[in-house]
Structure formats: C-alpha cells, structure tokens
N, C-alpha and C. Protein backbone atom coordinates (compact mmCIF):
# COMPACT_ATOMS: atom_id res chain seq x y z
N MET A 1 0.54 -1.29 0.03
CA MET A 1 0.19 0.19 0.21
C MET A 1 0.62 0.88 -0.16
N ALA A 2 2.11 1.41 0.79
CA ALA A 2 3.30 2.22 1.10
C ALA A 2 3.55 2.80 -0.51
N LEU A 3 3.58 1.91 -1.08
CA LEU A 3 4.45 2.28 -2.79
C LEU A 3 3.59 2.13 -3.54
N GLU A 4 2.20 2.13 -3.54
CA GLU A 4 1.22 2.65 -4.12
C GLU A 4 0.99 3.99 -4.14
N GLU A 5 1.01 4.54 -2.86
CA GLU A 5 0.84 6.03 -2.30
C GLU A 5 1.59 6.93 -2.87
N LEU A 6 3.12 6.00 -2.57
CA LEU A 6 4.16 6.99 -3.26
C LEU A 6 4.49 7.50 -4.81
N GLN A 7 3.94 5.70 -5.11
CA GLN A 7 3.87 5.81 -6.92
C GLN A 7 2.88 7.27 -7.02
N ARG A 8 1.61 7.47 -6.31
CA ARG A 8 0.84 8.28 -7.03
C ARG A 8 0.93 9.89 -6.31
N GLN A 9 1.94 10.12 -5.63
CA GLN A 9 2.31 11.03 -5.07
C GLN A 9 3.50 11.54 -6.20
N TRP A 10 4.08 10.39 -6.58
CA TRP A 10 5.25 11.00 -7.48
C TRP A 10 4.79 11.59 -8.72
N ASP A 11 4.03 10.28 -9.25
CA ASP A 11 2.80 11.07 -10.31
C ASP A 11 2.68 12.30 -10.19
N ALA A 12 1.80 12.56 -9.47
CA ALA A 12 0.94 13.79 -9.06
C ALA A 12 1.99 15.53 -9.03
N ALA A 13 3.18 14.74 -8.62
CA ALA A 13 4.24 15.87 -8.40
C ALA A 13 4.68 16.18 -9.82
N GLY A 14 5.05 15.08 -10.74
CA GLY A 14 5.35 15.01 -12.07
C GLY A 14 4.47 15.76 -13.06
N GLN A 15 3.07 15.97 -12.62
CA GLN A 15 2.22 16.52 -13.60
C GLN A 15 1.92 18.06 -13.14
N GLN A 16 2.66 18.65 -12.21
CA GLN A 16 2.43 19.83 -11.59
C GLN A 16 3.62 20.49 -12.65
N ASN A 17 2.71 21.87 -12.48
CA ASN A 17 3.41 22.75 -13.69
C ASN A 17 4.57 23.28 -12.78
N LEU A 18 6.18 22.93 -12.74
CA LEU A 18 6.94 23.32 -12.08
C LEU A 18 7.45 24.65 -12.72
N PRO A 19 8.00 25.50 -12.28
CA PRO A 19 8.75 26.68 -12.55
C PRO A 19 9.98 26.21 -13.18
N THR A 20 10.52 26.77 -14.90
CA THR A 20 11.85 26.42 -15.65
C THR A 20 12.21 27.34 -15.30
N LEU A 21 13.57 27.44 -15.55
CA LEU A 21 14.64 28.46 -15.72
C LEU A 21 15.37 29.09 -17.22
N ALA A 22 14.40 30.24 -17.44
CA ALA A 22 15.05 30.62 -18.81
C ALA A 22 16.89 29.99 -18.58
N PRO A 23 16.82 30.07 -20.00
CA PRO A 23 18.36 29.95 -20.27
C PRO A 23 19.03 31.36 -19.90
N ASP A 24 18.63 32.26 -19.87
CA ASP A 24 19.63 33.43 -19.61
C ASP A 24 19.49 33.43 -17.95
N LYS A 25 18.76 33.39 -17.53
CA LYS A 25 18.66 33.17 -15.53
C LYS A 25 19.73 32.06 -15.29
N ILE A 26 20.11 31.11 -16.50
CA ILE A 26 20.91 29.94 -16.00
C ILE A 26 22.00 30.54 -16.34
N LYS A 27 22.37 31.14 -16.77
CA LYS A 27 23.76 31.56 -18.04
C LYS A 27 24.47 32.44 -16.99
N ASN A 28 23.19 33.66 -16.17
CA ASN A 28 22.95 34.62 -15.13
C ASN A 28 23.97 33.97 -13.81
N MET A 29 23.58 32.93 -13.75
CA MET A 29 23.61 31.84 -12.42
C MET A 29 25.02 31.66 -12.60
N ILE A 30 25.40 30.69 -13.71
CA ILE A 30 27.09 30.29 -14.21
C ILE A 30 27.90 31.65 -13.99
N GLN A 31 27.60 33.06 -14.78
CA GLN A 31 28.76 33.61 -14.56
C GLN A 31 28.59 34.16 -12.96
N ALA A 32 27.63 34.33 -12.35
CA ALA A 32 27.96 34.76 -10.79
C ALA A 32 28.77 33.97 -10.35
N ARG A 33 28.36 32.50 -10.56
CA ARG A 33 29.57 31.37 -9.85
C ARG A 33 30.96 31.51 -10.36
N TYR A 34 31.40 31.78 -11.37
CA TYR A 34 32.24 31.94 -12.26
C TYR A 34 33.02 33.22 -11.66
N ARG A 35 32.50 34.62 -11.31
CA ARG A 35 33.27 35.46 -10.95
C ARG A 35 33.70 35.19 -8.84
N ARG A 36 32.64 34.52 -8.59
CA ARG A 36 33.28 34.18 -7.29
C ARG A 36 33.93 33.24 -7.05
N HIS A 37 34.14 32.27 -7.79
CA HIS A 37 35.22 31.64 -7.95
C HIS A 37 36.24 32.28 -7.87
N LEU A 38 36.48 33.15 -9.34
CA LEU A 38 37.60 33.96 -9.06
C LEU A 38 38.04 35.06 -7.96
N TRP A 39 36.93 35.61 -7.59
CA TRP A 39 36.99 36.89 -6.38
C TRP A 39 37.38 36.31 -5.33
N GLN A 40 37.52 34.87 -5.13
CA GLN A 40 38.19 33.74 -4.17
C GLN A 40 40.02 33.79 -4.21
N VAL A 41 40.62 34.11 -5.30
CA VAL A 41 41.53 33.72 -6.02
C VAL A 41 42.18 35.45 -5.82
N ILE A 42 41.07 36.39 -6.15
CA ILE A 42 41.63 37.68 -6.36
C ILE A 42 41.44 38.33 -5.00
N TRP A 43 40.89 38.14 -4.15
CA TRP A 43 40.86 38.74 -2.63
C TRP A 43 41.99 38.56 -2.03
N PRO A 44 42.65 37.52 -1.92
CA PRO A 44 44.00 37.04 -1.31
C PRO A 44 45.41 37.86 -1.79
N GLU A 45 45.12 38.06 -3.37
CA GLU A 45 46.05 38.60 -4.24
C GLU A 45 46.32 40.44 -3.80
N ILE A 46 44.86 40.91 -3.42
CA ILE A 46 44.98 42.32 -3.47
C ILE A 46 45.55 42.24 -1.69
N VAL A 47 45.10 41.70 -0.76
CA VAL A 47 45.43 41.79 0.72
C VAL A 47 47.02 41.78 0.37
N GLY A 48 47.41 40.99 -0.80
CA GLY A 48 49.18 40.77 -0.35
C GLY A 48 49.80 42.26 -1.55
N SER A 49 49.02 42.58 -2.33
CA SER A 49 49.71 43.32 -2.97
C SER A 49 49.36 44.99 -2.08
N LEU A 50 48.37 45.10 -0.93
CA LEU A 50 48.66 46.21 0.10
C LEU A 50 49.67 45.80 1.03
N VAL A 51 50.14 44.62 1.46
CA VAL A 51 50.96 44.44 2.40
C VAL A 51 52.55 44.74 1.42
N CYS A 52 52.72 44.62 0.23
CA CYS A 52 53.44 44.30 -1.01
C CYS A 52 53.95 46.12 -0.43
N LEU A 53 52.66 47.01 -0.93
CA LEU A 53 52.86 48.09 -1.28
C LEU A 53 53.03 48.85 0.17
N TYR A 54 52.88 48.60 1.30
CA TYR A 54 53.28 49.05 2.39
C TYR A 54 54.86 48.92 2.76
N PHE A 55 55.34 48.02 2.42
CA PHE A 55 56.67 47.59 3.04
C PHE A 55 57.31 48.39 1.55
N ALA A 56 56.79 48.78 0.69
CA ALA A 56 57.57 49.65 -0.12
C ALA A 56 57.60 50.73 0.47
N ALA A 57 56.51 51.33 0.79
CA ALA A 57 56.51 52.44 1.39
C ALA A 57 57.50 52.78 2.53
N LEU A 58 57.28 51.65 3.20
CA LEU A 58 58.29 51.75 4.41
C LEU A 58 59.73 51.85 4.14
N THR A 59 60.31 51.09 2.62
CA THR A 59 61.48 51.05 3.01
C THR A 59 61.85 52.54 2.35
N CYS A 60 60.77 53.09 1.29
CA CYS A 60 61.44 54.44 0.80
C CYS A 60 61.62 55.00 1.76
N VAL A 61 60.65 55.13 3.44
CA VAL A 61 60.76 56.56 4.05
C VAL A 61 61.96 56.58 4.58
N PHE A 62 62.16 55.36 4.55
CA PHE A 62 63.32 54.89 5.57
C PHE A 62 64.47 54.45 4.78
N PHE A 63 64.39 54.97 3.79
CA PHE A 63 65.74 54.62 3.02
C PHE A 63 67.17 55.31 3.41
N HIS A 64 66.62 56.23 4.42
CA HIS A 64 68.16 56.96 4.29
C HIS A 64 68.87 55.57 5.71
N GLN A 65 68.01 54.57 6.30
CA GLN A 65 68.71 54.56 7.59
C GLN A 65 69.73 53.34 6.34
N LEU A 66 69.69 52.85 5.10
CA LEU A 66 70.40 52.32 4.36
C LEU A 66 72.07 52.65 4.43
N ASP A 67 72.68 52.44 5.44
CA ASP A 67 74.05 53.38 5.20
C ASP A 67 74.83 53.05 4.26
N THR A 68 75.07 51.23 3.83
CA THR A 68 75.72 51.22 2.82
C THR A 68 75.70 50.63 1.72
N PRO A 69 76.46 50.77 0.76
CA PRO A 69 76.04 50.47 -0.94
C PRO A 69 75.29 48.79 -0.90
N PHE A 70 75.32 48.09 0.17
CA PHE A 70 75.22 47.02 -0.10
C PHE A 70 73.67 46.71 0.56
N LEU A 71 73.68 47.66 1.45
CA LEU A 71 72.06 47.69 2.05
C LEU A 71 70.95 48.55 0.48
N ARG A 72 71.95 49.56 0.58
CA ARG A 72 70.78 50.67 -0.46
C ARG A 72 70.36 49.47 -1.74
N MET A 73 71.17 48.39 -2.13
CA MET A 73 70.95 47.97 -3.53
C MET A 73 70.09 46.87 -2.99
N VAL A 74 70.10 46.42 -2.09
CA VAL A 74 69.29 45.52 -1.47
C VAL A 74 67.80 46.35 -1.20
N GLY A 75 67.85 47.55 -1.08
CA GLY A 75 66.27 48.03 -0.54
C GLY A 75 65.83 48.39 -2.25
N VAL A 76 66.69 48.91 -2.86
CA VAL A 76 66.34 49.07 -3.93
C VAL A 76 65.27 47.62 -4.88
N VAL A 77 66.01 46.78 -4.79
CA VAL A 77 65.73 45.33 -5.15
C VAL A 77 64.52 44.93 -4.61
N GLY A 78 64.28 45.15 -3.32
CA GLY A 78 63.48 44.80 -2.83
C GLY A 78 61.92 45.55 -3.37
N VAL A 79 62.38 47.14 -2.83
CA VAL A 79 61.10 48.07 -3.82
C VAL A 79 60.47 47.48 -5.06
N LEU A 80 61.66 47.49 -5.95
CA LEU A 80 61.32 47.31 -6.93
C LEU A 80 60.32 45.59 -6.68
N LEU A 81 60.81 44.92 -6.63
CA LEU A 81 60.35 43.48 -6.26
C LEU A 81 58.80 43.28 -6.03
N LEU A 82 58.57 44.12 -4.32
CA LEU A 82 57.59 44.73 -3.93
C LEU A 82 56.52 45.35 -4.78
N LEU A 83 56.94 46.12 -5.86
CA LEU A 83 56.30 46.97 -6.86
C LEU A 83 55.77 46.10 -7.79
N ALA A 84 56.90 45.27 -8.17
CA ALA A 84 56.18 44.17 -9.53
C ALA A 84 55.34 43.02 -9.25
N PHE A 85 55.35 42.28 -7.94
CA PHE A 85 54.55 41.49 -7.84
C PHE A 85 52.93 41.90 -7.72
N PRO A 86 52.58 42.83 -7.33
CA PRO A 86 50.86 42.82 -7.18
C PRO A 86 50.64 42.94 -8.84
N LEU A 87 51.39 43.80 -9.31
CA LEU A 87 51.05 44.25 -11.03
C LEU A 87 51.23 42.83 -11.76
N LEU A 88 52.28 42.18 -11.43
CA LEU A 88 52.18 40.64 -12.02
C LEU A 88 51.28 40.00 -12.17
N SER A 89 50.82 39.43 -10.67
CA SER A 89 49.71 38.68 -9.82
C SER A 89 48.02 39.39 -10.37
N LEU A 90 47.94 40.54 -10.29
CA LEU A 90 46.54 41.17 -10.30
C LEU A 90 46.12 41.22 -11.81
N VAL A 91 46.98 41.37 -12.97
CA VAL A 91 46.50 41.95 -14.27
C VAL A 91 45.99 40.87 -14.92
N PRO A 92 46.83 39.62 -14.79
CA PRO A 92 46.09 38.07 -15.88
C PRO A 92 44.68 38.29 -14.64
N LEU A 93 44.79 38.06 -13.23
CA LEU A 93 43.42 37.93 -12.76
C LEU A 93 42.40 39.00 -12.84
N VAL A 94 42.65 40.35 -13.45
CA VAL A 94 41.43 41.18 -13.21
C VAL A 94 41.30 40.86 -14.93
N ARG A 95 41.82 40.71 -15.37
CA ARG A 95 41.67 40.18 -17.33
C ARG A 95 40.65 38.60 -17.17
N MET A 96 40.93 37.86 -16.09
CA MET A 96 40.06 36.50 -16.48
C MET A 96 38.78 36.84 -15.47
N TYR A 97 38.68 38.02 -14.68
CA TYR A 97 37.48 38.52 -14.35
C TYR A 97 36.86 38.95 -15.39
N ARG A 98 37.34 39.62 -16.35
CA ARG A 98 35.97 40.11 -17.02
C ARG A 98 35.81 39.52 -18.27
N LEU A 99 36.10 38.30 -18.16
CA LEU A 99 35.60 37.20 -19.36
C LEU A 99 34.15 37.05 -19.19
N GLY A 100 33.71 36.68 -20.02
CA GLY A 100 32.14 35.66 -19.43
C GLY A 100 31.33 36.95 -19.86
N GLN A 101 31.37 37.66 -20.43
CA GLN A 101 30.66 38.71 -20.78
C GLN A 101 30.30 38.15 -22.36
N PRO A 102 28.66 38.57 -22.56
CA PRO A 102 28.21 37.96 -23.73
C PRO A 102 28.54 38.84 -24.83
N GLN A 103 29.13 40.17 -24.98
CA GLN A 103 29.70 40.27 -26.17
C GLN A 103 30.56 39.48 -26.96
N GLN A 104 31.40 38.77 -26.46
CA GLN A 104 32.67 38.24 -26.47
C GLN A 104 32.08 36.67 -27.53
N PRO A 105 32.53 35.84 -28.61
CA PRO A 105 32.47 34.38 -28.48
C PRO A 105 33.19 33.84 -27.50
N PHE A 106 32.00 32.66 -27.10
CA PHE A 106 33.04 32.43 -26.35
C PHE A 106 34.21 31.16 -26.41
N ARG A 107 34.45 30.73 -27.64
CA ARG A 107 35.58 30.47 -28.37
C ARG A 107 36.41 31.57 -27.86
N ASP A 108 36.45 32.84 -27.77
CA ASP A 108 37.47 33.68 -28.05
C ASP A 108 37.57 33.50 -26.85
N GLN A 109 36.72 34.13 -25.63
CA GLN A 109 36.67 34.07 -24.35
C GLN A 109 37.45 32.65 -23.69
N LEU A 110 36.97 31.26 -24.31
CA LEU A 110 37.96 30.34 -23.67
C LEU A 110 39.43 30.35 -24.08
N ALA A 111 40.19 30.70 -25.19
CA ALA A 111 41.28 31.22 -25.47
C ALA A 111 41.78 32.10 -24.91
N ASP A 112 40.98 33.61 -24.33
CA ASP A 112 41.89 34.47 -23.38
C ASP A 112 41.93 33.77 -22.35
N PHE A 113 40.52 33.22 -21.95
CA PHE A 113 41.11 32.45 -20.39
C PHE A 113 42.22 31.36 -20.20
N ALA A 114 42.54 30.82 -21.12
CA ALA A 114 44.14 30.11 -21.13
C ALA A 114 45.26 30.97 -21.11
N ARG A 115 45.02 31.94 -21.67
CA ARG A 115 46.23 32.69 -21.63
C ARG A 115 46.11 33.28 -20.66
N GLN A 116 45.41 34.22 -19.85
CA GLN A 116 45.23 34.70 -18.85
C GLN A 116 45.66 33.56 -17.44
N LYS A 117 45.21 32.39 -17.52
CA LYS A 117 45.21 31.58 -16.75
C LYS A 117 47.12 31.12 -16.91
N VAL A 118 47.71 30.65 -17.79
CA VAL A 118 48.81 30.55 -17.96
C VAL A 118 49.76 31.62 -17.46
N SER A 119 49.19 32.87 -17.63
CA SER A 119 50.34 34.08 -17.30
C SER A 119 50.17 34.23 -16.05
N PHE A 120 49.26 33.95 -15.36
CA PHE A 120 49.13 33.54 -13.68
C PHE A 120 49.86 32.52 -13.08
N LEU A 121 49.76 30.93 -13.64
CA LEU A 121 50.38 30.35 -13.13
C LEU A 121 52.08 30.26 -13.39
N ARG A 122 52.20 31.06 -14.50
CA ARG A 122 54.04 31.18 -14.64
C ARG A 122 54.55 32.21 -14.01
N VAL A 123 53.12 33.41 -13.69
CA VAL A 123 53.89 34.49 -12.86
C VAL A 123 53.71 33.69 -11.27
N GLN A 124 53.21 33.05 -10.84
CA GLN A 124 53.46 31.88 -9.73
C GLN A 124 54.37 30.85 -9.28
N GLN A 125 54.96 30.47 -10.56
CA GLN A 125 55.92 29.77 -10.48
C GLN A 125 57.50 31.17 -10.64
N VAL A 126 57.00 31.72 -11.21
CA VAL A 126 58.85 32.96 -10.59
C VAL A 126 58.52 33.49 -9.75
N SER A 127 57.53 33.77 -9.24
CA SER A 127 57.12 34.31 -7.55
C SER A 127 57.95 33.42 -6.73
N VAL A 128 58.15 31.96 -7.00
CA VAL A 128 58.71 31.36 -5.73
C VAL A 128 60.48 31.67 -5.54
N GLY A 129 60.98 31.74 -6.73
CA GLY A 129 62.63 32.42 -6.89
C GLY A 129 62.37 33.90 -6.11
N LEU A 130 61.67 34.30 -6.91
CA LEU A 130 61.59 35.74 -6.56
C LEU A 130 61.19 35.63 -5.62
N GLY A 131 59.99 35.71 -4.82
CA GLY A 131 59.44 35.37 -3.20
C GLY A 131 60.96 35.13 -1.90
N PHE A 132 61.81 34.37 -2.89
CA PHE A 132 62.84 34.27 -1.56
C PHE A 132 63.52 35.43 -1.82
N VAL A 133 63.93 35.63 -3.16
CA VAL A 133 64.84 36.91 -2.66
C VAL A 133 64.53 37.88 -1.88
N LEU A 134 62.91 38.26 -2.63
CA LEU A 134 62.41 39.56 -1.59
C LEU A 134 62.24 39.11 0.05
N PHE A 135 61.93 38.00 0.52
CA PHE A 135 61.87 37.45 1.75
C PHE A 135 63.49 37.79 2.64
N ASN A 136 64.15 37.29 1.89
CA ASN A 136 65.77 37.85 2.34
C ASN A 136 65.85 39.24 2.08
N ALA A 137 65.66 39.89 1.49
CA ALA A 137 65.59 41.44 1.27
C ALA A 137 65.35 42.00 2.45
N MET A 138 63.79 41.36 2.88
CA MET A 138 62.75 42.66 3.79
C MET A 138 63.90 41.66 5.34
N ILE A 139 64.04 40.74 5.61
CA ILE A 139 64.92 40.63 6.41
C ILE A 139 65.88 41.66 6.99
N ILE A 140 66.53 41.83 5.95
CA ILE A 140 68.09 42.67 5.89
C ILE A 140 67.60 44.19 6.18
N ILE A 141 66.53 44.17 5.41
CA ILE A 141 66.07 45.55 5.20
C ILE A 141 65.39 46.38 6.62
N CYS A 142 64.06 45.25 7.08
CA CYS A 142 63.52 45.41 8.16
C CYS A 142 64.53 45.30 9.53
N THR A 143 65.58 44.52 9.40
CA THR A 143 66.21 44.43 10.81
C THR A 143 67.19 46.13 10.87
N LYS A 144 67.96 46.02 9.60
CA LYS A 144 68.13 47.51 9.93
C LYS A 144 67.43 49.09 10.12
N ILE A 145 66.24 48.53 9.88
CA ILE A 145 65.22 49.98 10.45
C ILE A 145 64.44 49.73 11.28
N TYR A 146 64.54 48.50 11.82
CA TYR A 146 63.48 48.77 13.38
C TYR A 146 64.99 48.30 14.43
N ASN A 147 66.00 47.70 14.30
CA ASN A 147 66.81 47.43 15.38
C ASN A 147 67.75 48.41 15.13
N GLU A 148 68.39 49.00 13.90
CA GLU A 148 69.31 49.82 13.37
C GLU A 148 70.53 49.08 13.48
N GLN A 149 70.73 47.53 13.33
CA GLN A 149 72.03 46.55 12.72
C GLN A 149 71.97 46.42 11.44
N ASP A 150 73.37 46.04 11.25
CA ASP A 150 73.54 45.20 9.56
C ASP A 150 73.58 43.63 10.21
N VAL A 151 72.68 43.21 10.17
CA VAL A 151 72.63 41.82 10.47
C VAL A 151 72.97 40.97 9.30
N THR A 152 74.05 41.42 8.25
CA THR A 152 74.58 40.66 7.40
C THR A 152 75.84 39.91 7.89
N GLN A 153 76.49 40.87 8.92
CA GLN A 153 77.34 40.78 9.22
C GLN A 153 77.48 39.40 10.62
N GLU A 154 76.36 39.11 10.72
CA GLU A 154 76.23 37.77 11.86
C GLU A 154 76.77 36.91 11.51
N LYS A 155 77.26 36.02 12.47
CA LYS A 155 77.82 34.81 11.64
C LYS A 155 76.89 33.76 11.39
N TYR A 156 75.79 33.43 11.68
CA TYR A 156 75.21 32.48 11.10
C TYR A 156 73.57 32.75 10.57
N PHE A 157 73.82 34.21 10.05
CA PHE A 157 72.56 35.12 9.48
C PHE A 157 72.48 33.90 7.95
N TRP A 158 72.82 33.87 7.43
CA TRP A 158 73.22 34.29 6.12
C TRP A 158 72.64 32.44 6.05
N ALA A 159 73.18 31.77 6.79
CA ALA A 159 72.66 30.25 7.01
C ALA A 159 71.38 29.95 7.38
N ILE A 160 71.03 30.53 8.38
CA ILE A 160 69.68 30.35 8.98
C ILE A 160 68.50 31.29 7.62
N ALA A 161 69.16 32.31 7.15
CA ALA A 161 68.11 33.10 6.54
C ALA A 161 67.85 32.26 4.81
N LEU A 162 68.52 31.84 4.71
CA LEU A 162 68.73 30.70 3.62
C LEU A 162 67.51 29.81 4.09
N VAL A 163 67.68 29.20 4.94
CA VAL A 163 66.97 27.84 4.81
C VAL A 163 65.38 28.32 5.85
N VAL A 164 65.21 28.79 6.88
CA VAL A 164 64.27 29.60 7.20
C VAL A 164 63.56 30.18 5.54
N GLY A 165 64.05 30.79 4.93
CA GLY A 165 63.52 31.94 3.92
C GLY A 165 62.93 30.83 2.31
N PHE A 166 63.85 29.54 2.33
CA PHE A 166 63.34 29.23 1.72
C PHE A 166 61.79 27.80 1.86
N SER A 167 61.88 27.64 3.27
CA SER A 167 61.17 26.73 3.49
C SER A 167 59.72 27.81 3.89
N CYS A 168 59.81 28.59 4.06
CA CYS A 168 58.83 29.97 4.41
C CYS A 168 57.97 29.89 3.05
N VAL A 169 59.02 30.33 2.03
CA VAL A 169 58.55 31.07 0.96
C VAL A 169 57.93 29.78 0.06
N TYR A 170 58.66 28.43 -0.15
CA TYR A 170 58.10 27.32 -0.75
C TYR A 170 56.72 26.56 0.10
N CYS A 171 56.78 26.92 1.39
CA CYS A 171 55.12 26.28 1.83
C CYS A 171 53.95 27.22 1.12
N LEU A 172 54.30 28.48 1.64
CA LEU A 172 53.65 29.33 1.17
C LEU A 172 52.77 29.33 -0.21
N ASN A 173 54.00 29.84 -1.33
CA ASN A 173 53.70 29.40 -2.64
C ASN A 173 53.11 27.92 -3.10
N TYR A 174 53.16 26.50 -2.01
CA TYR A 174 52.49 25.26 -2.43
C TYR A 174 51.36 25.53 -2.05
N LEU A 175 50.68 25.90 -0.96
CA LEU A 175 49.60 26.08 -0.50
C LEU A 175 48.87 27.03 -1.59
N SER A 176 49.27 27.83 -1.73
CA SER A 176 48.44 29.15 -2.84
C SER A 176 48.63 28.81 -4.14
N ARG A 177 49.33 27.88 -4.66
CA ARG A 177 49.32 27.33 -6.02
C ARG A 177 48.50 26.40 -6.19
N ARG A 178 48.10 25.24 -4.97
CA ARG A 178 47.34 24.64 -4.44
C ARG A 178 45.63 24.76 -4.68
N TYR A 179 45.65 25.82 -3.84
CA TYR A 179 44.45 26.99 -3.77
C TYR A 179 44.03 27.21 -4.58
N TYR A 180 45.08 28.15 -5.51
CA TYR A 180 44.36 28.57 -6.34
C TYR A 180 44.48 27.95 -7.99
N GLY A 181 44.80 26.78 -7.88
CA GLY A 181 44.82 25.81 -9.05
C GLY A 181 43.36 25.19 -8.76
N ARG A 182 42.84 25.17 -8.00
CA ARG A 182 41.18 24.64 -7.44
C ARG A 182 40.47 25.72 -7.77
N LYS A 183 40.96 26.86 -7.39
CA LYS A 183 39.67 27.71 -8.09
C LYS A 183 39.46 28.04 -9.24
N ILE A 184 40.34 28.30 -10.25
CA ILE A 184 40.57 28.81 -11.08
C ILE A 184 40.23 27.40 -11.53
N ALA A 185 40.53 26.16 -12.13
CA ALA A 185 39.96 24.81 -12.48
C ALA A 185 38.55 24.98 -12.38
N ALA A 186 37.75 25.24 -11.18
CA ALA A 186 36.55 25.45 -11.22
C ALA A 186 35.84 26.65 -11.79
N ALA A 187 36.58 27.54 -12.12
CA ALA A 187 36.14 28.60 -12.93
C ALA A 187 36.32 27.92 -14.31
N GLU A 188 37.15 27.58 -14.58
CA GLU A 188 37.20 27.09 -16.00
C GLU A 188 36.19 26.20 -16.97
N GLN A 189 35.61 25.46 -15.84
CA GLN A 189 34.95 24.48 -15.96
C GLN A 189 33.12 25.03 -15.89
N LEU A 190 33.59 26.64 -15.16
CA LEU A 190 32.10 26.90 -15.47
C LEU A 190 31.90 27.89 -17.21
N LEU A 191 33.16 28.33 -17.38
CA LEU A 191 32.91 29.08 -18.08
C LEU A 191 32.99 27.45 -19.44
N LEU A 192 33.34 26.90 -19.54
CA LEU A 192 33.03 25.10 -20.24
C LEU A 192 31.42 25.04 -20.45
N ASP A 193 30.90 25.39 -18.94
CA ASP A 193 29.25 25.11 -18.99
C ASP A 193 28.58 26.00 -19.52
N LEU A 194 29.11 27.11 -19.25
CA LEU A 194 28.24 27.95 -20.44
C LEU A 194 28.56 28.09 -21.79
N GLN A 195 29.65 28.09 -21.97
CA GLN A 195 29.22 27.33 -23.45
C GLN A 195 28.88 26.35 -23.88
N ALA A 196 28.54 25.54 -23.24
CA ALA A 196 27.90 24.40 -23.76
C ALA A 196 26.16 24.55 -23.06
N GLU A 197 25.94 25.62 -22.49
CA GLU A 197 24.44 26.10 -22.07
C GLU A 197 24.00 26.54 -24.08
N ASN A 198 24.95 27.43 -24.28
CA ASN A 198 24.45 28.36 -25.89
C ASN A 198 24.47 27.25 -26.61
C-alpha cells in the first residue's frame, strides 16, 4: 500500500507545472559562480598587494637608514620586487574576471581565459624564486630599519635566513598554488558549462 501511495504522489508531483529556468537566468547564475570563484583568488592577491605596497613605502621612507652600498642595493631590489609582484599577479586575474561577457564569442573567451591562466600560473612559478630573494631582502632591510643593525655581518645569518626563507616561501607558494589551481579550474569548468548552455 505504501508503495502505491508513493507512486501516486510521485506522478502527481510530475504532472504539476513546475517553474523552469530560462536560459538567460541559467547563464547569469553560471557567470555569478564564475566570478565568485575568481574573486576567491583575487581577494588574497589584493591583500598581498597592499602588504607589498606598505613595505615598499616603508622602505622608501626609511631608505636614508640604509647606510652601506650593499644595504641600499638590497633596498632598491626590494622596492622593485614589492612593486612588481602586485602588477604581475593582479593583471591576469582582472582580465580573467572580466571574461564571460556576452559580447565576445565563447571560443574567444576560452582562448583568452587559457592565456590569462597560463600567465598567472607562470607568475606563480616565478614568484617562488623572486619571493625567496624578496624574503631575504626584507629581513635585511627591516632589521636595519627597526634595530639599526646590519645583520648581514652576523655569523649564522645567511645559513638561517636561507633555510628559513626557502622553507617559508616554498610552503606558502605550494599552498597558494594548490588553492588557486582549484579555484581557477572550477572557474574554467564554469566557462565550459556556459559554452555548453549556448
């Protein structure tokens, strides 16, 4: 008896006029999910860019405390890297975020997305080496600015800085690449779904 009653309820539910989603509404929902996935990658990059700009400004303000040619060279390299990192990482992400507009054919959108994705992932790979250099440069600069000491003359500074610097940069980069890879792959899949809807 219960099976027959369940079957009648199922048939009755199937005969009701359920609201259907229009293709435009589905497309808008997919585009919103696409942007949400990319925003989860852009937000940490914006925070990191603000931190980079803060340390670049700090280094410029206290540049007069870097009294040796080596420290000044490290300061200039540090500022250049701190200004380059935000530009290198945010430009491809913003371009990927702007994709998905209906004015452009989907084949072109997917090609643009692939180019920007490769560009962003290449920057992530290069950032491992440059981040290691930047990490050590900022240790040298910050200890000179805050403690007014040149730590490069310490006996074990380079051994400790190289090991700690490489470990920190490698771990952070590994975690960010894994997280970013998942989010960008999900956004790419949504673009493919959007293409399949058309």
